[in-house]
Each structure stands twice: as structure tokens, then as C-alpha cells.
Amino acid sequence: MKLVVLVVPREARDDAEAALESVGAYGFTEVPSVYGEGSTGPRFGSRIAPGVSDLIFVAVEDAGIGHVRTALASVESRLGRKLHAFLLPAEEF
């Protein structure tokens, strides 16, 4: 099992969630309104650095990771920008 951690611009959140659901990744946890700076620039929800991101955590069986990657790539293509996704090993306990 893997834990997919997505850092998603607020305006792309619904698209990312729909993509996850389309490949059977229904259960997720969302942390709204996170701030930071990276390759796409600063996002602090202010006039100087507008924009807000959300974190989405979703556990995916190893066999489903390829489907999740494909679905997220489709979102990236439609939006014309990269989503930031990280893959971590996970165990349920």
C-alpha cells in the first residue's frame, strides 16, 4: 500500500478529487488552505503572493498506483500545469 500526498492549487482541487474517484480511490483526507513556496512560486493567500493550495492524502493499493498516476497526468494536461504528488510507503495498523 502507498500513501499519495498531493499538493494541489485550490482551483484544481475538484479536478484532482474527481480524477482520484474515477480510478477507485474514493477515501481521502484533505487539509485545506496550506501555504508555501516551490517551483510554481509563493502561495500565501495574500495580495503579494496570492493563491492557496490544499493537501490531499489518499491510500492506494500498490496495483492501483499506475491508474492514479494516469488520472493525475490527465488533470495536469487539462490544467496546463503540474500537480505536486509524493508517494510514500504505508501500512494500515
C-alpha atoms as a PDB file:
ATOM      1  CA  MET A   1       0.000   0.000   0.000  1.00  0.00           C
ATOM      2  CA  LYS A   2       1.154   3.538  -0.759  1.00  0.00           C
ATOM      3  CA  LEU A   3       0.145   6.941   0.554  1.00  0.00           C
ATOM      4  CA  VAL A   4      -0.217   9.549  -2.179  1.00  0.00           C
ATOM      5  CA  VAL A   5       0.266  13.099  -0.930  1.00  0.00           C
ATOM      6  CA  LEU A   6      -0.912  15.784  -3.333  1.00  0.00           C
ATOM      7  CA  VAL A   7      -0.231  19.496  -3.076  1.00  0.00           C
ATOM      8  CA  VAL A   8      -2.971  20.918  -5.253  1.00  0.00           C
ATOM      9  CA  PRO A   9      -3.809  24.525  -6.124  1.00  0.00           C
ATOM     10  CA  ARG A  10      -7.237  25.327  -4.679  1.00  0.00           C
ATOM     11  CA  GLU A  11      -8.636  25.898  -8.169  1.00  0.00           C
ATOM     12  CA  ALA A  12      -7.614  22.346  -9.191  1.00  0.00           C
ATOM     13  CA  ARG A  13      -8.886  20.538  -6.086  1.00  0.00           C
ATOM     14  CA  ASP A  14     -12.218  19.411  -7.553  1.00  0.00           C
ATOM     15  CA  ASP A  15     -10.496  18.111 -10.700  1.00  0.00           C
ATOM     16  CA  ALA A  16      -7.944  16.179  -8.630  1.00  0.00           C
ATOM     17  CA  GLU A  17     -10.637  14.657  -6.405  1.00  0.00           C
ATOM     18  CA  ALA A  18     -12.720  13.647  -9.438  1.00  0.00           C
ATOM     19  CA  ALA A  19      -9.643  12.042 -11.031  1.00  0.00           C
ATOM     20  CA  LEU A  20      -8.958  10.025  -7.864  1.00  0.00           C
ATOM     21  CA  GLU A  21     -12.569   8.878  -7.663  1.00  0.00           C
ATOM     22  CA  SER A  22     -12.551   7.918 -11.361  1.00  0.00           C
ATOM     23  CA  VAL A  23      -9.900   5.277 -10.652  1.00  0.00           C
ATOM     24  CA  GLY A  24     -11.494   3.958  -7.479  1.00  0.00           C
ATOM     25  CA  ALA A  25      -9.513   5.981  -4.924  1.00  0.00           C
ATOM     26  CA  TYR A  26     -12.614   7.114  -3.041  1.00  0.00           C
ATOM     27  CA  GLY A  27     -11.397   7.642   0.502  1.00  0.00           C
ATOM     28  CA  PHE A  28      -9.135  10.594   1.073  1.00  0.00           C
ATOM     29  CA  THR A  29      -8.257  13.184   3.681  1.00  0.00           C
ATOM     30  CA  GLU A  30      -7.961  16.831   2.768  1.00  0.00           C
ATOM     31  CA  VAL A  31      -6.103  19.582   4.588  1.00  0.00           C
ATOM     32  CA  PRO A  32      -7.441  22.873   3.236  1.00  0.00           C
ATOM     33  CA  SER A  33      -5.561  26.133   2.919  1.00  0.00           C
ATOM     34  CA  VAL A  34      -1.879  25.348   3.125  1.00  0.00           C
ATOM     35  CA  TYR A  35       0.750  27.919   2.254  1.00  0.00           C
ATOM     36  CA  GLY A  36       4.233  27.569   0.876  1.00  0.00           C
ATOM     37  CA  GLU A  37       6.681  28.269  -1.876  1.00  0.00           C
ATOM     38  CA  GLY A  38       8.092  25.986  -4.521  1.00  0.00           C
ATOM     39  CA  SER A  39       8.717  25.656  -8.226  1.00  0.00           C
ATOM     40  CA  THR A  40       5.409  27.364  -9.067  1.00  0.00           C
ATOM     41  CA  GLY A  41       6.198  30.333  -6.822  1.00  0.00           C
ATOM     42  CA  PRO A  42       4.863  31.511  -3.486  1.00  0.00           C
ATOM     43  CA  ARG A  43       1.254  30.817  -2.468  1.00  0.00           C
ATOM     44  CA  PHE A  44       0.428  32.573   0.791  1.00  0.00           C
ATOM     45  CA  GLY A  45      -3.125  33.768   0.169  1.00  0.00           C
ATOM     46  CA  SER A  46      -2.083  37.415   0.210  1.00  0.00           C
ATOM     47  CA  ARG A  47      -2.022  40.245  -2.307  1.00  0.00           C
ATOM     48  CA  ILE A  48       1.720  39.857  -2.713  1.00  0.00           C
ATOM     49  CA  ALA A  49       1.618  36.077  -3.007  1.00  0.00           C
ATOM     50  CA  PRO A  50      -1.934  35.142  -3.999  1.00  0.00           C
ATOM     51  CA  GLY A  51      -3.212  31.618  -4.153  1.00  0.00           C
ATOM     52  CA  VAL A  52      -3.789  28.813  -1.718  1.00  0.00           C
ATOM     53  CA  SER A  53      -3.072  25.121  -2.001  1.00  0.00           C
ATOM     54  CA  ASP A  54      -4.747  22.112  -0.414  1.00  0.00           C
ATOM     55  CA  LEU A  55      -3.179  18.831   0.660  1.00  0.00           C
ATOM     56  CA  ILE A  56      -4.896  15.594  -0.275  1.00  0.00           C
ATOM     57  CA  PHE A  57      -3.856  12.286   1.282  1.00  0.00           C
ATOM     58  CA  VAL A  58      -5.109   9.063  -0.271  1.00  0.00           C
ATOM     59  CA  ALA A  59      -4.097   5.465   0.446  1.00  0.00           C
ATOM     60  CA  VAL A  60      -3.827   3.328  -2.686  1.00  0.00           C
ATOM     61  CA  GLU A  61      -3.081  -0.355  -3.114  1.00  0.00           C
ATOM     62  CA  ASP A  62       0.165  -0.945  -4.990  1.00  0.00           C
ATOM     63  CA  ALA A  63      -1.711  -2.284  -8.020  1.00  0.00           C
ATOM     64  CA  GLY A  64      -3.666   0.977  -8.357  1.00  0.00           C
ATOM     65  CA  ILE A  65      -0.739   3.412  -8.363  1.00  0.00           C
ATOM     66  CA  GLY A  66      -0.385   3.391 -12.163  1.00  0.00           C
ATOM     67  CA  HIS A  67      -4.071   4.289 -12.554  1.00  0.00           C
ATOM     68  CA  VAL A  68      -3.705   7.170 -10.103  1.00  0.00           C
ATOM     69  CA  ARG A  69      -0.651   8.475 -11.975  1.00  0.00           C
ATOM     70  CA  THR A  70      -2.505   8.339 -15.285  1.00  0.00           C
ATOM     71  CA  ALA A  71      -5.560  10.093 -13.853  1.00  0.00           C
ATOM     72  CA  LEU A  72      -3.467  12.871 -12.304  1.00  0.00           C
ATOM     73  CA  ALA A  73      -1.492  13.290 -15.547  1.00  0.00           C
ATOM     74  CA  SER A  74      -4.812  13.852 -17.299  1.00  0.00           C
ATOM     75  CA  VAL A  75      -5.649  16.631 -14.822  1.00  0.00           C
ATOM     76  CA  GLU A  76      -2.224  18.189 -15.371  1.00  0.00           C
ATOM     77  CA  SER A  77      -2.752  18.128 -19.121  1.00  0.00           C
ATOM     78  CA  ARG A  78      -6.159  19.811 -18.866  1.00  0.00           C
ATOM     79  CA  LEU A  79      -4.874  22.478 -16.480  1.00  0.00           C
ATOM     80  CA  GLY A  80      -1.602  23.072 -18.274  1.00  0.00           C
ATOM     81  CA  ARG A  81       0.335  22.870 -15.013  1.00  0.00           C
ATOM     82  CA  LYS A  82       1.990  20.235 -12.883  1.00  0.00           C
ATOM     83  CA  LEU A  83       0.443  18.930  -9.693  1.00  0.00           C
ATOM     84  CA  HIS A  84       2.890  18.070  -6.939  1.00  0.00           C
ATOM     85  CA  ALA A  85       2.485  14.448  -5.881  1.00  0.00           C
ATOM     86  CA  PHE A  86       4.556  12.372  -3.487  1.00  0.00           C
ATOM     87  CA  LEU A  87       4.404   8.638  -2.946  1.00  0.00           C
ATOM     88  CA  LEU A  88       5.159   7.148   0.471  1.00  0.00           C
ATOM     89  CA  PRO A  89       5.107   3.561   1.692  1.00  0.00           C
ATOM     90  CA  ALA A  90       2.153   2.944   4.004  1.00  0.00           C
ATOM     91  CA  GLU A  91       0.874   0.238   6.311  1.00  0.00           C
ATOM     92  CA  GLU A  92      -2.514   0.070   7.926  1.00  0.00           C
ATOM     93  CA  PHE A  93      -2.422  -0.683  11.628  1.00  0.00           C
END
